[in-house]
Amino acid sequence: MKIGIELNGVVFDLLGAATEYFGEPQQREASTFEEMFPTVSDYDLAEWLSSKKTYERMRPIRGALKALDELSQEHEVVGITSIEKHLLNTTANWIVINGLAVSRVSHTANKDIRARQSKVDIFIESDAIAARAMSGVCRTIILDNPYNRFGAGSNVERANSWEQILEMINND
């Protein structure tokens, strides 16, 4: 089986990093960083999100590396991400340093199209709108967060942790 993953919010703890940098979000359930951190300028948010330092310092989501290592023992795991292109070398270095078990990572704004081309069977996402689009291509699991509870659609399965994602995939 081929399993696709988004990196932001699924492997990279982007919300944790933003909270560490900007402080506690004022609206955790908001769907964008601009809404979560309304006192931070759009410019400062954009600069932070496109900074190599942000991604060099990024911590993994609890359980992600272990779960992906386990999944990679029996399945092919591929990254399909919308991370900005200028961050791909930084992302690749992070993957090597942290031992992320993926066979390859590709960048695209249209993850659902890339997943279809790559014949992905299951995709793990963190963005509700992207998960809804992906659910038309393959089985889609969203890693639950307050910011992605609306808009994913009824075909998207929701998991509270990487442990639960493993159970969902292994008990299929």
C-alpha atoms as a PDB file:
ATOM      1  CA  MET A   1       0.000   0.000   0.000  1.00  0.00           C
ATOM      2  CA  LYS A   2       1.171   3.550  -0.713  1.00  0.00           C
ATOM      3  CA  ILE A   3       0.649   6.113   2.043  1.00  0.00           C
ATOM      4  CA  GLY A   4       0.957   9.830   1.349  1.00  0.00           C
ATOM      5  CA  ILE A   5       1.584  12.438   4.008  1.00  0.00           C
ATOM      6  CA  GLU A   6       1.558  16.209   4.197  1.00  0.00           C
ATOM      7  CA  LEU A   7       4.472  17.450   6.288  1.00  0.00           C
ATOM      8  CA  ASN A   8       3.040  20.647   7.835  1.00  0.00           C
ATOM      9  CA  GLY A   9       0.712  19.764  10.678  1.00  0.00           C
ATOM     10  CA  VAL A  10       1.158  16.019  10.163  1.00  0.00           C
ATOM     11  CA  VAL A  11       4.883  15.559  10.788  1.00  0.00           C
ATOM     12  CA  PHE A  12       6.057  19.126  11.474  1.00  0.00           C
ATOM     13  CA  ASP A  13       4.452  20.676  14.557  1.00  0.00           C
ATOM     14  CA  LEU A  14       3.771  23.958  12.811  1.00  0.00           C
ATOM     15  CA  LEU A  15       1.113  25.098  15.285  1.00  0.00           C
ATOM     16  CA  GLY A  16       3.410  24.314  18.220  1.00  0.00           C
ATOM     17  CA  ALA A  17       6.221  26.277  16.579  1.00  0.00           C
ATOM     18  CA  ALA A  18       3.899  29.223  15.894  1.00  0.00           C
ATOM     19  CA  THR A  19       2.676  29.186  19.490  1.00  0.00           C
ATOM     20  CA  GLU A  20       6.253  29.110  20.743  1.00  0.00           C
ATOM     21  CA  TYR A  21       7.191  32.051  18.495  1.00  0.00           C
ATOM     22  CA  PHE A  22       4.058  34.253  18.641  1.00  0.00           C
ATOM     23  CA  GLY A  23       2.449  33.165  21.919  1.00  0.00           C
ATOM     24  CA  GLU A  24      -0.823  31.382  22.574  1.00  0.00           C
ATOM     25  CA  PRO A  25      -3.309  31.646  19.681  1.00  0.00           C
ATOM     26  CA  GLN A  26      -6.300  33.858  20.427  1.00  0.00           C
ATOM     27  CA  GLN A  27      -8.554  31.574  18.362  1.00  0.00           C
ATOM     28  CA  ARG A  28      -7.209  27.997  18.285  1.00  0.00           C
ATOM     29  CA  GLU A  29     -10.175  26.804  16.246  1.00  0.00           C
ATOM     30  CA  ALA A  30      -9.577  29.372  13.479  1.00  0.00           C
ATOM     31  CA  SER A  31      -8.535  27.873  10.153  1.00  0.00           C
ATOM     32  CA  THR A  32      -5.665  30.272   9.353  1.00  0.00           C
ATOM     33  CA  PHE A  33      -2.676  31.641  11.217  1.00  0.00           C
ATOM     34  CA  GLU A  34      -3.944  35.153  10.477  1.00  0.00           C
ATOM     35  CA  GLU A  35      -7.133  34.355  12.421  1.00  0.00           C
ATOM     36  CA  MET A  36      -5.312  32.487  15.205  1.00  0.00           C
ATOM     37  CA  PHE A  37      -2.816  35.295  15.745  1.00  0.00           C
ATOM     38  CA  PRO A  38      -4.769  38.481  14.859  1.00  0.00           C
ATOM     39  CA  THR A  39      -2.322  40.791  16.643  1.00  0.00           C
ATOM     40  CA  VAL A  40       0.585  39.610  14.451  1.00  0.00           C
ATOM     41  CA  SER A  41       0.885  41.385  11.123  1.00  0.00           C
ATOM     42  CA  ASP A  42       0.279  39.414   7.930  1.00  0.00           C
ATOM     43  CA  TYR A  43       3.804  40.391   6.874  1.00  0.00           C
ATOM     44  CA  ASP A  44       5.372  38.949  10.050  1.00  0.00           C
ATOM     45  CA  LEU A  45       3.369  35.739   9.693  1.00  0.00           C
ATOM     46  CA  ALA A  46       4.381  35.368   6.049  1.00  0.00           C
ATOM     47  CA  GLU A  47       8.035  36.024   6.884  1.00  0.00           C
ATOM     48  CA  TRP A  48       7.973  33.449   9.681  1.00  0.00           C
ATOM     49  CA  LEU A  49       6.215  30.831   7.522  1.00  0.00           C
ATOM     50  CA  SER A  50       8.711  31.271   4.700  1.00  0.00           C
ATOM     51  CA  SER A  51      11.810  31.344   6.915  1.00  0.00           C
ATOM     52  CA  LYS A  52      14.346  28.542   6.682  1.00  0.00           C
ATOM     53  CA  LYS A  53      15.046  29.003  10.407  1.00  0.00           C
ATOM     54  CA  THR A  54      11.419  28.193  11.196  1.00  0.00           C
ATOM     55  CA  TYR A  55      11.734  24.822   9.473  1.00  0.00           C
ATOM     56  CA  GLU A  56      15.248  24.087  10.723  1.00  0.00           C
ATOM     57  CA  ARG A  57      13.973  24.391  14.317  1.00  0.00           C
ATOM     58  CA  MET A  58      10.695  22.566  13.726  1.00  0.00           C
ATOM     59  CA  ARG A  59       9.915  19.724  16.105  1.00  0.00           C
ATOM     60  CA  PRO A  60       8.010  16.650  14.998  1.00  0.00           C
ATOM     61  CA  ILE A  61       4.482  15.992  16.165  1.00  0.00           C
ATOM     62  CA  ARG A  62       4.454  13.500  19.016  1.00  0.00           C
ATOM     63  CA  GLY A  63       4.509   9.947  17.689  1.00  0.00           C
ATOM     64  CA  ALA A  64       4.926  10.884  14.014  1.00  0.00           C
ATOM     65  CA  LEU A  65       8.478   9.638  13.449  1.00  0.00           C
ATOM     66  CA  LYS A  66       7.920   6.351  15.262  1.00  0.00           C
ATOM     67  CA  ALA A  67       4.607   5.692  13.491  1.00  0.00           C
ATOM     68  CA  LEU A  68       5.992   6.503  10.057  1.00  0.00           C
ATOM     69  CA  ASP A  69       8.998   4.281  10.699  1.00  0.00           C
ATOM     70  CA  GLU A  70       6.606   1.447  11.563  1.00  0.00           C
ATOM     71  CA  LEU A  71       4.418   2.104   8.507  1.00  0.00           C
ATOM     72  CA  SER A  72       7.453   2.207   6.211  1.00  0.00           C
ATOM     73  CA  GLN A  73       8.338  -1.358   7.212  1.00  0.00           C
ATOM     74  CA  GLU A  74       5.312  -2.666   5.284  1.00  0.00           C
ATOM     75  CA  HIS A  75       4.205   0.220   3.076  1.00  0.00           C
ATOM     76  CA  GLU A  76       5.694   2.870   0.838  1.00  0.00           C
ATOM     77  CA  VAL A  77       5.420   6.287   2.499  1.00  0.00           C
ATOM     78  CA  VAL A  78       5.664   9.396   0.306  1.00  0.00           C
ATOM     79  CA  GLY A  79       5.515  13.053   1.210  1.00  0.00           C
ATOM     80  CA  ILE A  80       3.295  15.279  -0.893  1.00  0.00           C
ATOM     81  CA  THR A  81       3.500  18.783   0.481  1.00  0.00           C
ATOM     82  CA  SER A  82       2.617  22.357  -0.298  1.00  0.00           C
ATOM     83  CA  ILE A  83       5.660  23.703   1.564  1.00  0.00           C
ATOM     84  CA  GLU A  84       7.179  26.596  -0.379  1.00  0.00           C
ATOM     85  CA  LYS A  85       9.736  25.486  -2.974  1.00  0.00           C
ATOM     86  CA  HIS A  86      12.586  27.546  -1.521  1.00  0.00           C
ATOM     87  CA  LEU A  87      12.232  25.486   1.680  1.00  0.00           C
ATOM     88  CA  LEU A  88      12.655  22.095   0.014  1.00  0.00           C
ATOM     89  CA  ASN A  89      16.409  21.787   0.740  1.00  0.00           C
ATOM     90  CA  THR A  90      15.779  22.779   4.365  1.00  0.00           C
ATOM     91  CA  THR A  91      12.964  20.223   4.485  1.00  0.00           C
ATOM     92  CA  ALA A  92      15.206  17.535   2.985  1.00  0.00           C
ATOM     93  CA  ASN A  93      17.884  18.249   5.617  1.00  0.00           C
ATOM     94  CA  TRP A  94      15.264  18.029   8.374  1.00  0.00           C
ATOM     95  CA  ILE A  95      14.104  14.674   7.019  1.00  0.00           C
ATOM     96  CA  VAL A  96      17.658  13.295   7.066  1.00  0.00           C
ATOM     97  CA  ILE A  97      18.552  14.696  10.494  1.00  0.00           C
ATOM     98  CA  ASN A  98      15.325  13.411  12.084  1.00  0.00           C
ATOM     99  CA  GLY A  99      15.271  10.086  10.237  1.00  0.00           C
ATOM    100  CA  LEU A 100      11.832  10.552   8.705  1.00  0.00           C
ATOM    101  CA  ALA A 101      10.933   7.332   6.889  1.00  0.00           C
ATOM    102  CA  VAL A 102       9.745   8.525   3.468  1.00  0.00           C
ATOM    103  CA  SER A 103      10.818   7.228   0.077  1.00  0.00           C
ATOM    104  CA  ARG A 104      10.452  10.661  -1.556  1.00  0.00           C
ATOM    105  CA  VAL A 105       8.918  14.102  -1.069  1.00  0.00           C
ATOM    106  CA  SER A 106       7.345  16.196  -3.780  1.00  0.00           C
ATOM    107  CA  HIS A 107       6.079  19.754  -3.731  1.00  0.00           C
ATOM    108  CA  THR A 108       2.806  20.809  -5.330  1.00  0.00           C
ATOM    109  CA  ALA A 109      -0.061  23.190  -4.787  1.00  0.00           C
ATOM    110  CA  ASN A 110      -2.406  20.430  -5.995  1.00  0.00           C
ATOM    111  CA  LYS A 111      -1.764  17.554  -3.631  1.00  0.00           C
ATOM    112  CA  ASP A 112      -4.867  15.647  -4.719  1.00  0.00           C
ATOM    113  CA  ILE A 113      -3.689  15.585  -8.340  1.00  0.00           C
ATOM    114  CA  ARG A 114      -0.200  14.436  -7.300  1.00  0.00           C
ATOM    115  CA  ALA A 115      -1.701  11.740  -5.068  1.00  0.00           C
ATOM    116  CA  ARG A 116      -3.778  10.452  -7.984  1.00  0.00           C
ATOM    117  CA  GLN A 117      -0.715  10.444 -10.270  1.00  0.00           C
ATOM    118  CA  SER A 118       1.309   8.660  -7.590  1.00  0.00           C
ATOM    119  CA  LYS A 119      -1.449   6.095  -6.964  1.00  0.00           C
ATOM    120  CA  VAL A 120      -1.655   6.877  -3.239  1.00  0.00           C
ATOM    121  CA  ASP A 121      -4.038   4.581  -1.321  1.00  0.00           C
ATOM    122  CA  ILE A 122      -4.228   6.563   1.937  1.00  0.00           C
ATOM    123  CA  PHE A 123      -3.358  10.201   2.584  1.00  0.00           C
ATOM    124  CA  ILE A 124      -2.777  11.813   5.979  1.00  0.00           C
ATOM    125  CA  GLU A 125      -3.525  15.537   6.021  1.00  0.00           C
ATOM    126  CA  SER A 126      -3.946  18.398   8.486  1.00  0.00           C
ATOM    127  CA  ASP A 127      -5.768  20.985   6.364  1.00  0.00           C
ATOM    128  CA  ALA A 128      -9.556  20.552   6.176  1.00  0.00           C
ATOM    129  CA  ILE A 129      -9.996  21.918   2.637  1.00  0.00           C
ATOM    130  CA  ALA A 130      -7.083  19.865   1.279  1.00  0.00           C
ATOM    131  CA  ALA A 131      -8.463  16.778   3.062  1.00  0.00           C
ATOM    132  CA  ARG A 132     -11.845  17.256   1.415  1.00  0.00           C
ATOM    133  CA  ALA A 133     -10.210  17.460  -2.033  1.00  0.00           C
ATOM    134  CA  MET A 134      -7.999  14.460  -1.255  1.00  0.00           C
ATOM    135  CA  SER A 135     -10.983  12.353  -0.154  1.00  0.00           C
ATOM    136  CA  GLY A 136     -12.123  12.283  -3.776  1.00  0.00           C
ATOM    137  CA  VAL A 137      -8.849  10.534  -4.686  1.00  0.00           C
ATOM    138  CA  CYS A 138      -8.141   8.109  -1.853  1.00  0.00           C
ATOM    139  CA  ARG A 139      -8.914   7.222   1.727  1.00  0.00           C
ATOM    140  CA  THR A 140      -8.079  10.344   3.738  1.00  0.00           C
ATOM    141  CA  ILE A 141      -7.289  10.695   7.425  1.00  0.00           C
ATOM    142  CA  ILE A 142      -7.035  14.115   9.041  1.00  0.00           C
ATOM    143  CA  LEU A 143      -4.913  14.587  12.158  1.00  0.00           C
ATOM    144  CA  ASP A 144      -7.358  16.395  14.412  1.00  0.00           C
ATOM    145  CA  ASN A 145      -6.674  19.937  15.527  1.00  0.00           C
ATOM    146  CA  PRO A 146      -9.068  22.716  16.531  1.00  0.00           C
ATOM    147  CA  TYR A 147      -8.239  24.562  13.289  1.00  0.00           C
ATOM    148  CA  ASN A 148      -9.332  21.708  10.992  1.00  0.00           C
ATOM    149  CA  ARG A 149     -12.650  20.676  12.547  1.00  0.00           C
ATOM    150  CA  PHE A 150     -14.783  22.422   9.951  1.00  0.00           C
ATOM    151  CA  GLY A 151     -14.842  21.932   6.209  1.00  0.00           C
ATOM    152  CA  ALA A 152     -13.214  18.501   5.825  1.00  0.00           C
ATOM    153  CA  GLY A 153     -16.415  16.792   4.732  1.00  0.00           C
ATOM    154  CA  SER A 154     -18.003  13.512   5.726  1.00  0.00           C
ATOM    155  CA  ASN A 155     -15.662  11.248   3.719  1.00  0.00           C
ATOM    156  CA  VAL A 156     -12.607  12.232   5.768  1.00  0.00           C
ATOM    157  CA  GLU A 157     -11.695  10.064   8.764  1.00  0.00           C
ATOM    158  CA  ARG A 158     -10.460  11.883  11.861  1.00  0.00           C
ATOM    159  CA  ALA A 159      -7.665  10.720  14.166  1.00  0.00           C
ATOM    160  CA  ASN A 160      -6.599  12.280  17.455  1.00  0.00           C
ATOM    161  CA  SER A 161      -3.021  10.988  17.400  1.00  0.00           C
ATOM    162  CA  TRP A 162      -0.456   9.076  15.392  1.00  0.00           C
ATOM    163  CA  GLU A 163      -1.212   6.044  17.556  1.00  0.00           C
ATOM    164  CA  GLN A 164      -4.812   6.173  16.372  1.00  0.00           C
ATOM    165  CA  ILE A 165      -3.702   6.597  12.744  1.00  0.00           C
ATOM    166  CA  LEU A 166      -1.629   3.417  13.073  1.00  0.00           C
ATOM    167  CA  GLU A 167      -4.639   1.549  14.459  1.00  0.00           C
ATOM    168  CA  MET A 168      -6.848   2.806  11.631  1.00  0.00           C
ATOM    169  CA  ILE A 169      -4.381   1.697   8.956  1.00  0.00           C
ATOM    170  CA  ASN A 170      -3.332  -1.582  10.566  1.00  0.00           C
ATOM    171  CA  ASN A 171      -6.914  -2.652  11.330  1.00  0.00           C
ATOM    172  CA  ASP A 172      -8.108  -1.978   7.802  1.00  0.00           C
END
